[in-house]
């Protein structure tokens, strides 16, 4: 089969590319490299077609989509914390970008897409673990709102044009090639100042995390076993940790003692930061899947990778 992976040079996208290449599929990577890195594709670059282009470039996107069987749409403006600083970028890269992908699919007769959504679309729910059919509250995050709008477009194109859609609502992911998020930020801060760590919020925010390879196992299993046109699936774990636990684990792994934690205060680290995220994963477990790594193991594996790949710290200034 022929696959197009948007954001294919990024954390999740490049990991998907690895799996497709191993299975000897044709792979087109479409990425503007705003956050992705070609180095993540080095070991497979002779087996893929890489197109450096933006999703807003509809001409290039339409050309890239020709003859494609399946799209993994992973490209997005994933700067969750600072998306209010540039809401237009968030809308363009997430919602408009998704619209352009779907339209290119329609024009070229492509009938399958997997989309990286987020558990943040549930806002601040009253039900934990939060199921896929949970009533949506008011949206507090520009990032989540742009993803939810994208989900609506995916559903409409599925109904209107017979496209098979997989909407994967992720918790935060960790693992190899992880280049943004809590562990990454804390790691950089502690390298610069091993005596003090600034933490957004009160450190008691409850978060769930999933190891990247567990996530990919779930995605491919769901795709292989689907009989529905529209598939909305939570991907997470049945555990959660506080942000303070992440800081403690990082300090322990780095051999740092008596680090002073300084908090910005409040239950939220920023506007749109949900104080508690825990997704119901019964739908995936019914397919025989379950995470193989605990959150603590995810954190430690991520730290190990960051230690061995210090170059990413300079790339992500």
C-alpha atoms as a PDB file:
ATOM      1  CA  UNK A   1       0.000   0.000   0.000  1.00  0.00           C
ATOM      2  CA  UNK A   2       0.957   3.613  -0.450  1.00  0.00           C
ATOM      3  CA  UNK A   3       0.856   5.823   2.640  1.00  0.00           C
ATOM      4  CA  UNK A   4       1.124   9.571   3.139  1.00  0.00           C
ATOM      5  CA  UNK A   5       2.271  10.660   6.608  1.00  0.00           C
ATOM      6  CA  UNK A   6       1.785  14.350   7.358  1.00  0.00           C
ATOM      7  CA  UNK A   7       4.134  15.502  10.078  1.00  0.00           C
ATOM      8  CA  UNK A   8       6.160  12.436   9.210  1.00  0.00           C
ATOM      9  CA  UNK A   9       9.423  13.912  10.490  1.00  0.00           C
ATOM     10  CA  UNK A  10       7.971  14.532  13.941  1.00  0.00           C
ATOM     11  CA  UNK A  11       7.853  12.489  17.138  1.00  0.00           C
ATOM     12  CA  UNK A  12       4.761  10.403  16.341  1.00  0.00           C
ATOM     13  CA  UNK A  13       4.888  10.668  12.564  1.00  0.00           C
ATOM     14  CA  UNK A  14       8.458   9.401  12.166  1.00  0.00           C
ATOM     15  CA  UNK A  15       7.678   6.478  14.485  1.00  0.00           C
ATOM     16  CA  UNK A  16       4.757   5.562  12.235  1.00  0.00           C
ATOM     17  CA  UNK A  17       7.043   5.841   9.200  1.00  0.00           C
ATOM     18  CA  UNK A  18       9.413   3.316  10.807  1.00  0.00           C
ATOM     19  CA  UNK A  19       6.654   0.744  11.100  1.00  0.00           C
ATOM     20  CA  UNK A  20       5.400   1.263   7.569  1.00  0.00           C
ATOM     21  CA  UNK A  21       8.909   0.960   6.114  1.00  0.00           C
ATOM     22  CA  UNK A  22       9.539  -2.281   8.023  1.00  0.00           C
ATOM     23  CA  UNK A  23       6.371  -3.663   6.411  1.00  0.00           C
ATOM     24  CA  UNK A  24       7.730  -2.661   2.964  1.00  0.00           C
ATOM     25  CA  UNK A  25       4.964  -0.145   2.194  1.00  0.00           C
ATOM     26  CA  UNK A  26       5.463   2.871  -0.042  1.00  0.00           C
ATOM     27  CA  UNK A  27       5.744   5.919   2.203  1.00  0.00           C
ATOM     28  CA  UNK A  28       5.509   9.629   1.452  1.00  0.00           C
ATOM     29  CA  UNK A  29       6.532  11.943   4.279  1.00  0.00           C
ATOM     30  CA  UNK A  30       4.984  15.413   4.098  1.00  0.00           C
ATOM     31  CA  UNK A  31       6.421  17.848   6.636  1.00  0.00           C
ATOM     32  CA  UNK A  32       7.318  21.548   6.771  1.00  0.00           C
ATOM     33  CA  UNK A  33       9.981  20.818   9.438  1.00  0.00           C
ATOM     34  CA  UNK A  34       8.666  23.556  11.742  1.00  0.00           C
ATOM     35  CA  UNK A  35       9.010  21.109  14.628  1.00  0.00           C
ATOM     36  CA  UNK A  36       9.947  17.862  12.888  1.00  0.00           C
ATOM     37  CA  UNK A  37      13.521  16.840  12.139  1.00  0.00           C
ATOM     38  CA  UNK A  38      14.910  15.032   9.116  1.00  0.00           C
ATOM     39  CA  UNK A  39      17.364  13.224  11.395  1.00  0.00           C
ATOM     40  CA  UNK A  40      14.460  11.118  12.615  1.00  0.00           C
ATOM     41  CA  UNK A  41      14.203   9.777   9.064  1.00  0.00           C
ATOM     42  CA  UNK A  42      17.921   9.139   8.456  1.00  0.00           C
ATOM     43  CA  UNK A  43      17.743   5.355   8.740  1.00  0.00           C
ATOM     44  CA  UNK A  44      14.823   5.130   6.283  1.00  0.00           C
ATOM     45  CA  UNK A  45      15.473   8.072   3.944  1.00  0.00           C
ATOM     46  CA  UNK A  46      16.429   5.807   1.034  1.00  0.00           C
ATOM     47  CA  UNK A  47      13.091   3.976   1.383  1.00  0.00           C
ATOM     48  CA  UNK A  48      10.726   6.950   1.486  1.00  0.00           C
ATOM     49  CA  UNK A  49       9.825  10.029  -0.517  1.00  0.00           C
ATOM     50  CA  UNK A  50      10.276  13.153   1.578  1.00  0.00           C
ATOM     51  CA  UNK A  51       8.391  16.307   0.626  1.00  0.00           C
ATOM     52  CA  UNK A  52       9.220  19.466   2.535  1.00  0.00           C
ATOM     53  CA  UNK A  53       6.020  21.466   2.286  1.00  0.00           C
ATOM     54  CA  UNK A  54       3.262  23.021   4.357  1.00  0.00           C
ATOM     55  CA  UNK A  55      -0.327  21.816   4.558  1.00  0.00           C
ATOM     56  CA  UNK A  56      -1.420  25.279   3.457  1.00  0.00           C
ATOM     57  CA  UNK A  57       0.289  24.651   0.113  1.00  0.00           C
ATOM     58  CA  UNK A  58      -2.702  22.954  -1.494  1.00  0.00           C
ATOM     59  CA  UNK A  59      -0.983  22.454  -4.848  1.00  0.00           C
ATOM     60  CA  UNK A  60       1.893  20.464  -3.332  1.00  0.00           C
ATOM     61  CA  UNK A  61      -0.509  18.586  -1.080  1.00  0.00           C
ATOM     62  CA  UNK A  62      -2.752  17.556  -3.965  1.00  0.00           C
ATOM     63  CA  UNK A  63       0.253  16.375  -5.946  1.00  0.00           C
ATOM     64  CA  UNK A  64       1.553  14.374  -2.987  1.00  0.00           C
ATOM     65  CA  UNK A  65      -1.834  12.719  -2.480  1.00  0.00           C
ATOM     66  CA  UNK A  66      -1.947  11.118  -5.929  1.00  0.00           C
ATOM     67  CA  UNK A  67      -2.161   7.316  -5.786  1.00  0.00           C
ATOM     68  CA  UNK A  68      -2.226   7.230  -1.970  1.00  0.00           C
ATOM     69  CA  UNK A  69      -4.244   4.511  -0.200  1.00  0.00           C
ATOM     70  CA  UNK A  70      -4.058   5.676   3.419  1.00  0.00           C
ATOM     71  CA  UNK A  71      -3.209   8.930   5.196  1.00  0.00           C
ATOM     72  CA  UNK A  72      -1.738   9.238   8.678  1.00  0.00           C
ATOM     73  CA  UNK A  73      -2.458  12.875   9.499  1.00  0.00           C
ATOM     74  CA  UNK A  74      -0.105  13.685  12.367  1.00  0.00           C
ATOM     75  CA  UNK A  75       0.924  17.239  11.425  1.00  0.00           C
ATOM     76  CA  UNK A  76      -0.228  19.969  13.800  1.00  0.00           C
ATOM     77  CA  UNK A  77       0.768  23.012  15.756  1.00  0.00           C
ATOM     78  CA  UNK A  78       1.274  21.117  19.006  1.00  0.00           C
ATOM     79  CA  UNK A  79       2.367  24.052  21.140  1.00  0.00           C
ATOM     80  CA  UNK A  80      -0.447  23.494  23.618  1.00  0.00           C
ATOM     81  CA  UNK A  81       0.889  25.792  26.325  1.00  0.00           C
ATOM     82  CA  UNK A  82       1.443  28.881  24.160  1.00  0.00           C
ATOM     83  CA  UNK A  83      -1.288  28.520  21.541  1.00  0.00           C
ATOM     84  CA  UNK A  84      -3.091  31.630  22.814  1.00  0.00           C
ATOM     85  CA  UNK A  85      -0.105  33.711  21.710  1.00  0.00           C
ATOM     86  CA  UNK A  86      -0.857  32.895  18.080  1.00  0.00           C
ATOM     87  CA  UNK A  87      -4.406  31.562  17.647  1.00  0.00           C
ATOM     88  CA  UNK A  88      -4.289  32.050  13.879  1.00  0.00           C
ATOM     89  CA  UNK A  89      -1.344  29.664  13.586  1.00  0.00           C
ATOM     90  CA  UNK A  90      -3.188  27.108  15.700  1.00  0.00           C
ATOM     91  CA  UNK A  91      -6.276  27.367  13.488  1.00  0.00           C
ATOM     92  CA  UNK A  92      -4.331  27.292  10.218  1.00  0.00           C
ATOM     93  CA  UNK A  93      -1.999  24.418  11.044  1.00  0.00           C
ATOM     94  CA  UNK A  94      -4.628  22.284  12.768  1.00  0.00           C
ATOM     95  CA  UNK A  95      -8.113  22.956  11.388  1.00  0.00           C
ATOM     96  CA  UNK A  96      -7.373  24.498   7.992  1.00  0.00           C
ATOM     97  CA  UNK A  97      -4.553  22.001   7.500  1.00  0.00           C
ATOM     98  CA  UNK A  98      -6.944  19.126   8.193  1.00  0.00           C
ATOM     99  CA  UNK A  99      -9.489  20.622   5.811  1.00  0.00           C
ATOM    100  CA  UNK A 100      -6.833  20.779   3.091  1.00  0.00           C
ATOM    101  CA  UNK A 101      -5.811  17.166   3.721  1.00  0.00           C
ATOM    102  CA  UNK A 102      -9.419  15.985   3.464  1.00  0.00           C
ATOM    103  CA  UNK A 103     -10.061  17.960   0.302  1.00  0.00           C
ATOM    104  CA  UNK A 104      -6.905  16.564  -1.316  1.00  0.00           C
ATOM    105  CA  UNK A 105      -8.142  13.100  -0.346  1.00  0.00           C
ATOM    106  CA  UNK A 106     -11.555  13.755  -1.884  1.00  0.00           C
ATOM    107  CA  UNK A 107     -10.083  15.017  -5.139  1.00  0.00           C
ATOM    108  CA  UNK A 108      -7.748  12.033  -5.394  1.00  0.00           C
ATOM    109  CA  UNK A 109     -10.201   9.376  -4.230  1.00  0.00           C
ATOM    110  CA  UNK A 110      -8.277   8.454  -1.061  1.00  0.00           C
ATOM    111  CA  UNK A 111     -10.600   6.603   1.318  1.00  0.00           C
ATOM    112  CA  UNK A 112      -8.707   6.081   4.607  1.00  0.00           C
ATOM    113  CA  UNK A 113      -7.291   8.448   7.228  1.00  0.00           C
ATOM    114  CA  UNK A 114      -5.989   8.198  10.789  1.00  0.00           C
ATOM    115  CA  UNK A 115      -5.961  11.477  12.699  1.00  0.00           C
ATOM    116  CA  UNK A 116      -4.035  12.507  15.812  1.00  0.00           C
ATOM    117  CA  UNK A 117      -6.549  14.213  18.065  1.00  0.00           C
ATOM    118  CA  UNK A 118      -6.221  14.803  21.793  1.00  0.00           C
ATOM    119  CA  UNK A 119      -7.792  13.936  25.113  1.00  0.00           C
ATOM    120  CA  UNK A 120      -7.870  17.680  25.709  1.00  0.00           C
ATOM    121  CA  UNK A 121     -11.083  17.871  23.653  1.00  0.00           C
ATOM    122  CA  UNK A 122     -12.875  16.670  26.801  1.00  0.00           C
ATOM    123  CA  UNK A 123     -11.956  19.962  28.477  1.00  0.00           C
ATOM    124  CA  UNK A 124     -12.448  19.598  32.224  1.00  0.00           C
ATOM    125  CA  UNK A 125     -14.913  16.688  32.421  1.00  0.00           C
ATOM    126  CA  UNK A 126     -16.846  15.427  35.432  1.00  0.00           C
ATOM    127  CA  UNK A 127     -16.424  11.742  34.514  1.00  0.00           C
ATOM    128  CA  UNK A 128     -13.188   9.805  35.131  1.00  0.00           C
ATOM    129  CA  UNK A 129     -11.963   7.805  33.376  1.00  0.00           C
ATOM    130  CA  UNK A 130     -13.479   9.821  30.540  1.00  0.00           C
ATOM    131  CA  UNK A 131     -15.192   7.738  27.789  1.00  0.00           C
ATOM    132  CA  UNK A 132     -15.398   8.584  24.094  1.00  0.00           C
ATOM    133  CA  UNK A 133     -19.112   9.402  24.363  1.00  0.00           C
ATOM    134  CA  UNK A 134     -18.656  11.845  27.237  1.00  0.00           C
ATOM    135  CA  UNK A 135     -20.657  15.042  26.834  1.00  0.00           C
ATOM    136  CA  UNK A 136     -18.327  17.816  25.732  1.00  0.00           C
ATOM    137  CA  UNK A 137     -17.957  20.727  28.141  1.00  0.00           C
ATOM    138  CA  UNK A 138     -17.002  24.278  27.219  1.00  0.00           C
ATOM    139  CA  UNK A 139     -13.700  24.283  25.376  1.00  0.00           C
ATOM    140  CA  UNK A 140     -10.957  26.076  27.304  1.00  0.00           C
ATOM    141  CA  UNK A 141      -7.979  25.329  25.055  1.00  0.00           C
ATOM    142  CA  UNK A 142      -7.428  26.848  21.607  1.00  0.00           C
ATOM    143  CA  UNK A 143      -5.445  23.746  20.684  1.00  0.00           C
ATOM    144  CA  UNK A 144      -8.235  21.381  21.745  1.00  0.00           C
ATOM    145  CA  UNK A 145     -10.857  23.522  20.028  1.00  0.00           C
ATOM    146  CA  UNK A 146      -8.927  23.369  16.747  1.00  0.00           C
ATOM    147  CA  UNK A 147      -8.640  19.591  17.085  1.00  0.00           C
ATOM    148  CA  UNK A 148     -12.344  19.204  17.867  1.00  0.00           C
ATOM    149  CA  UNK A 149     -13.200  21.298  14.798  1.00  0.00           C
ATOM    150  CA  UNK A 150     -10.952  18.979  12.778  1.00  0.00           C
ATOM    151  CA  UNK A 151     -12.816  15.967  14.148  1.00  0.00           C
ATOM    152  CA  UNK A 152     -16.064  17.501  12.900  1.00  0.00           C
ATOM    153  CA  UNK A 153     -14.605  17.897   9.409  1.00  0.00           C
ATOM    154  CA  UNK A 154     -13.393  14.296   9.420  1.00  0.00           C
ATOM    155  CA  UNK A 155     -16.847  13.036  10.375  1.00  0.00           C
ATOM    156  CA  UNK A 156     -18.545  15.184   7.742  1.00  0.00           C
ATOM    157  CA  UNK A 157     -16.188  13.993   4.994  1.00  0.00           C
ATOM    158  CA  UNK A 158     -16.735  10.404   6.112  1.00  0.00           C
ATOM    159  CA  UNK A 159     -20.511  10.734   5.830  1.00  0.00           C
ATOM    160  CA  UNK A 160     -20.379  12.807   2.672  1.00  0.00           C
ATOM    161  CA  UNK A 161     -17.674  11.017   0.711  1.00  0.00           C
ATOM    162  CA  UNK A 162     -17.383   7.536   2.211  1.00  0.00           C
ATOM    163  CA  UNK A 163     -13.966   8.074   3.787  1.00  0.00           C
ATOM    164  CA  UNK A 164     -13.036   5.666   6.587  1.00  0.00           C
ATOM    165  CA  UNK A 165     -11.902   7.751   9.539  1.00  0.00           C
ATOM    166  CA  UNK A 166      -9.880   6.928  12.651  1.00  0.00           C
ATOM    167  CA  UNK A 167      -9.840   9.657  15.282  1.00  0.00           C
ATOM    168  CA  UNK A 168      -7.328   8.809  17.999  1.00  0.00           C
ATOM    169  CA  UNK A 169      -7.653  10.902  21.128  1.00  0.00           C
ATOM    170  CA  UNK A 170      -4.239  10.688  22.768  1.00  0.00           C
ATOM    171  CA  UNK A 171      -3.107  11.466  26.254  1.00  0.00           C
ATOM    172  CA  UNK A 172       0.395  12.959  26.260  1.00  0.00           C
ATOM    173  CA  UNK A 173       2.952  10.617  24.711  1.00  0.00           C
ATOM    174  CA  UNK A 174       6.521   9.917  25.788  1.00  0.00           C
ATOM    175  CA  UNK A 175       9.462   7.930  24.508  1.00  0.00           C
ATOM    176  CA  UNK A 176      12.157   8.054  21.860  1.00  0.00           C
ATOM    177  CA  UNK A 177      12.156  11.245  19.711  1.00  0.00           C
ATOM    178  CA  UNK A 178      10.126  13.129  22.307  1.00  0.00           C
ATOM    179  CA  UNK A 179      11.027  16.802  21.865  1.00  0.00           C
ATOM    180  CA  UNK A 180       8.383  18.835  23.665  1.00  0.00           C
ATOM    181  CA  UNK A 181       6.371  18.587  26.836  1.00  0.00           C
ATOM    182  CA  UNK A 182       6.799  18.395  30.585  1.00  0.00           C
ATOM    183  CA  UNK A 183       9.780  16.011  30.831  1.00  0.00           C
ATOM    184  CA  UNK A 184      11.629  17.804  28.019  1.00  0.00           C
ATOM    185  CA  UNK A 185      11.076  21.224  29.619  1.00  0.00           C
ATOM    186  CA  UNK A 186      12.075  20.032  33.100  1.00  0.00           C
ATOM    187  CA  UNK A 187      15.167  18.288  31.735  1.00  0.00           C
ATOM    188  CA  UNK A 188      16.380  21.448  30.009  1.00  0.00           C
ATOM    189  CA  UNK A 189      15.689  23.580  33.065  1.00  0.00           C
ATOM    190  CA  UNK A 190      17.602  21.240  35.375  1.00  0.00           C
ATOM    191  CA  UNK A 191      20.595  21.152  33.048  1.00  0.00           C
ATOM    192  CA  UNK A 192      20.710  24.935  33.252  1.00  0.00           C
ATOM    193  CA  UNK A 193      20.037  25.117  36.990  1.00  0.00           C
ATOM    194  CA  UNK A 194      20.333  21.962  39.080  1.00  0.00           C
ATOM    195  CA  UNK A 195      19.312  23.759  42.277  1.00  0.00           C
ATOM    196  CA  UNK A 196      15.877  25.049  41.330  1.00  0.00           C
ATOM    197  CA  UNK A 197      13.010  23.939  39.070  1.00  0.00           C
ATOM    198  CA  UNK A 198      10.197  26.257  38.008  1.00  0.00           C
ATOM    199  CA  UNK A 199       6.891  24.379  37.666  1.00  0.00           C
ATOM    200  CA  UNK A 200       3.739  25.793  36.109  1.00  0.00           C
ATOM    201  CA  UNK A 201       0.663  25.490  38.323  1.00  0.00           C
ATOM    202  CA  UNK A 202       0.846  23.872  41.752  1.00  0.00           C
ATOM    203  CA  UNK A 203       2.497  20.607  40.638  1.00  0.00           C
ATOM    204  CA  UNK A 204      -0.580  18.640  41.662  1.00  0.00           C
ATOM    205  CA  UNK A 205      -2.115  18.448  38.197  1.00  0.00           C
ATOM    206  CA  UNK A 206      -2.977  14.818  37.481  1.00  0.00           C
ATOM    207  CA  UNK A 207      -1.791  13.621  34.084  1.00  0.00           C
ATOM    208  CA  UNK A 208      -1.855  10.350  32.173  1.00  0.00           C
ATOM    209  CA  UNK A 209       0.931   9.425  29.752  1.00  0.00           C
ATOM    210  CA  UNK A 210       1.437   6.691  27.160  1.00  0.00           C
ATOM    211  CA  UNK A 211       4.617   5.220  25.703  1.00  0.00           C
ATOM    212  CA  UNK A 212       4.966   5.917  21.975  1.00  0.00           C
ATOM    213  CA  UNK A 213       5.324   2.261  20.940  1.00  0.00           C
ATOM    214  CA  UNK A 214       2.265   1.267  22.990  1.00  0.00           C
ATOM    215  CA  UNK A 215       0.395   4.038  21.206  1.00  0.00           C
ATOM    216  CA  UNK A 216       1.438   2.769  17.778  1.00  0.00           C
ATOM    217  CA  UNK A 217       0.511  -0.808  18.700  1.00  0.00           C
ATOM    218  CA  UNK A 218      -2.986   0.421  19.534  1.00  0.00           C
ATOM    219  CA  UNK A 219      -3.357   2.506  16.383  1.00  0.00           C
ATOM    220  CA  UNK A 220      -2.369  -0.272  14.009  1.00  0.00           C
ATOM    221  CA  UNK A 221      -4.464  -2.844  15.864  1.00  0.00           C
ATOM    222  CA  UNK A 222      -7.538  -0.607  15.697  1.00  0.00           C
ATOM    223  CA  UNK A 223      -7.033   0.060  11.996  1.00  0.00           C
ATOM    224  CA  UNK A 224      -6.616  -3.630  11.222  1.00  0.00           C
ATOM    225  CA  UNK A 225      -9.770  -4.609  13.132  1.00  0.00           C
ATOM    226  CA  UNK A 226     -12.167  -1.828  12.196  1.00  0.00           C
ATOM    227  CA  UNK A 227     -15.472  -2.477  10.439  1.00  0.00           C
ATOM    228  CA  UNK A 228     -16.847   1.048  11.001  1.00  0.00           C
ATOM    229  CA  UNK A 229     -16.621   4.145   8.820  1.00  0.00           C
ATOM    230  CA  UNK A 230     -16.086   6.489  11.773  1.00  0.00           C
ATOM    231  CA  UNK A 231     -13.879   5.281  14.613  1.00  0.00           C
ATOM    232  CA  UNK A 232     -13.286   7.472  17.669  1.00  0.00           C
ATOM    233  CA  UNK A 233     -10.840   5.890  20.086  1.00  0.00           C
ATOM    234  CA  UNK A 234      -9.184   6.975  23.326  1.00  0.00           C
ATOM    235  CA  UNK A 235      -5.544   6.032  23.733  1.00  0.00           C
ATOM    236  CA  UNK A 236      -4.083   6.242  27.214  1.00  0.00           C
ATOM    237  CA  UNK A 237      -3.418   4.236  30.354  1.00  0.00           C
ATOM    238  CA  UNK A 238      -5.414   3.369  33.447  1.00  0.00           C
ATOM    239  CA  UNK A 239      -3.055   5.269  35.712  1.00  0.00           C
ATOM    240  CA  UNK A 240      -2.051   8.872  36.232  1.00  0.00           C
ATOM    241  CA  UNK A 241       0.654  10.779  38.081  1.00  0.00           C
ATOM    242  CA  UNK A 242       1.021  14.264  39.457  1.00  0.00           C
ATOM    243  CA  UNK A 243       3.383  16.697  37.779  1.00  0.00           C
ATOM    244  CA  UNK A 244       5.419  16.670  40.994  1.00  0.00           C
ATOM    245  CA  UNK A 245       6.014  12.933  40.491  1.00  0.00           C
ATOM    246  CA  UNK A 246       7.522  13.657  37.074  1.00  0.00           C
ATOM    247  CA  UNK A 247       9.842  16.239  38.605  1.00  0.00           C
ATOM    248  CA  UNK A 248      10.813  13.844  41.415  1.00  0.00           C
ATOM    249  CA  UNK A 249      11.548  11.013  38.982  1.00  0.00           C
ATOM    250  CA  UNK A 250      13.647  13.274  36.776  1.00  0.00           C
ATOM    251  CA  UNK A 251      15.676  14.552  39.707  1.00  0.00           C
ATOM    252  CA  UNK A 252      16.258  10.999  40.907  1.00  0.00           C
ATOM    253  CA  UNK A 253      17.357   9.813  37.454  1.00  0.00           C
ATOM    254  CA  UNK A 254      19.749  12.761  37.147  1.00  0.00           C
ATOM    255  CA  UNK A 255      21.139  12.190  40.621  1.00  0.00           C
ATOM    256  CA  UNK A 256      20.005  15.597  41.855  1.00  0.00           C
ATOM    257  CA  UNK A 257      19.171  16.149  45.521  1.00  0.00           C
ATOM    258  CA  UNK A 258      17.494  19.019  47.330  1.00  0.00           C
ATOM    259  CA  UNK A 259      16.180  20.680  44.188  1.00  0.00           C
ATOM    260  CA  UNK A 260      13.877  23.521  45.154  1.00  0.00           C
ATOM    261  CA  UNK A 261      10.532  23.528  43.338  1.00  0.00           C
ATOM    262  CA  UNK A 262       9.121  26.966  42.566  1.00  0.00           C
ATOM    263  CA  UNK A 263       5.476  27.062  41.455  1.00  0.00           C
ATOM    264  CA  UNK A 264       3.611  29.606  39.367  1.00  0.00           C
ATOM    265  CA  UNK A 265       0.507  28.750  41.426  1.00  0.00           C
ATOM    266  CA  UNK A 266      -3.072  27.709  40.786  1.00  0.00           C
ATOM    267  CA  UNK A 267      -4.594  24.404  39.679  1.00  0.00           C
ATOM    268  CA  UNK A 268      -3.681  24.997  36.031  1.00  0.00           C
ATOM    269  CA  UNK A 269      -0.302  25.582  34.463  1.00  0.00           C
ATOM    270  CA  UNK A 270      -1.820  27.790  31.763  1.00  0.00           C
ATOM    271  CA  UNK A 271      -5.211  28.666  30.299  1.00  0.00           C
ATOM    272  CA  UNK A 272      -6.634  25.413  28.941  1.00  0.00           C
ATOM    273  CA  UNK A 273      -4.450  23.139  31.065  1.00  0.00           C
ATOM    274  CA  UNK A 274      -6.821  20.519  32.469  1.00  0.00           C
ATOM    275  CA  UNK A 275      -6.056  19.714  36.142  1.00  0.00           C
ATOM    276  CA  UNK A 276      -6.971  16.047  35.616  1.00  0.00           C
ATOM    277  CA  UNK A 277      -6.713  13.878  32.497  1.00  0.00           C
ATOM    278  CA  UNK A 278      -7.581  10.183  32.590  1.00  0.00           C
ATOM    279  CA  UNK A 279      -9.186   8.510  29.575  1.00  0.00           C
ATOM    280  CA  UNK A 280     -11.394   5.438  29.473  1.00  0.00           C
ATOM    281  CA  UNK A 281      -9.611   2.867  27.269  1.00  0.00           C
ATOM    282  CA  UNK A 282     -12.188   0.051  27.389  1.00  0.00           C
ATOM    283  CA  UNK A 283     -12.748   0.276  23.642  1.00  0.00           C
ATOM    284  CA  UNK A 284      -9.111  -0.499  22.862  1.00  0.00           C
ATOM    285  CA  UNK A 285      -8.841  -3.130  25.593  1.00  0.00           C
ATOM    286  CA  UNK A 286     -11.793  -4.951  24.002  1.00  0.00           C
ATOM    287  CA  UNK A 287      -9.538  -5.477  20.968  1.00  0.00           C
ATOM    288  CA  UNK A 288      -6.951  -7.193  23.173  1.00  0.00           C
ATOM    289  CA  UNK A 289      -4.648  -4.210  23.632  1.00  0.00           C
ATOM    290  CA  UNK A 290      -3.234  -2.816  26.832  1.00  0.00           C
ATOM    291  CA  UNK A 291      -0.199  -0.641  27.604  1.00  0.00           C
ATOM    292  CA  UNK A 292       2.976  -2.572  28.339  1.00  0.00           C
ATOM    293  CA  UNK A 293       4.848   0.268  30.058  1.00  0.00           C
ATOM    294  CA  UNK A 294       3.920   2.154  33.206  1.00  0.00           C
ATOM    295  CA  UNK A 295       4.075   5.940  33.315  1.00  0.00           C
ATOM    296  CA  UNK A 296       7.197   5.751  35.471  1.00  0.00           C
ATOM    297  CA  UNK A 297       8.855   3.529  32.867  1.00  0.00           C
ATOM    298  CA  UNK A 298       7.785   5.977  30.146  1.00  0.00           C
ATOM    299  CA  UNK A 299       9.435   8.839  32.003  1.00  0.00           C
ATOM    300  CA  UNK A 300      12.668   6.896  32.540  1.00  0.00           C
ATOM    301  CA  UNK A 301      12.853   5.751  28.910  1.00  0.00           C
ATOM    302  CA  UNK A 302      12.319   9.322  27.781  1.00  0.00           C
ATOM    303  CA  UNK A 303      15.073  10.601  30.056  1.00  0.00           C
ATOM    304  CA  UNK A 304      17.446   7.927  28.741  1.00  0.00           C
ATOM    305  CA  UNK A 305      16.745   8.972  25.166  1.00  0.00           C
ATOM    306  CA  UNK A 306      17.250  12.661  25.963  1.00  0.00           C
ATOM    307  CA  UNK A 307      20.569  11.863  27.628  1.00  0.00           C
ATOM    308  CA  UNK A 308      21.715   9.998  24.527  1.00  0.00           C
ATOM    309  CA  UNK A 309      20.445  12.668  22.132  1.00  0.00           C
ATOM    310  CA  UNK A 310      21.521  15.983  23.613  1.00  0.00           C
ATOM    311  CA  UNK A 311      21.410  17.557  20.159  1.00  0.00           C
ATOM    312  CA  UNK A 312      17.607  17.875  20.389  1.00  0.00           C
ATOM    313  CA  UNK A 313      18.003  20.322  23.253  1.00  0.00           C
ATOM    314  CA  UNK A 314      19.801  22.723  20.923  1.00  0.00           C
ATOM    315  CA  UNK A 315      17.361  22.107  18.083  1.00  0.00           C
ATOM    316  CA  UNK A 316      14.395  23.049  20.290  1.00  0.00           C
ATOM    317  CA  UNK A 317      15.470  26.439  21.610  1.00  0.00           C
END
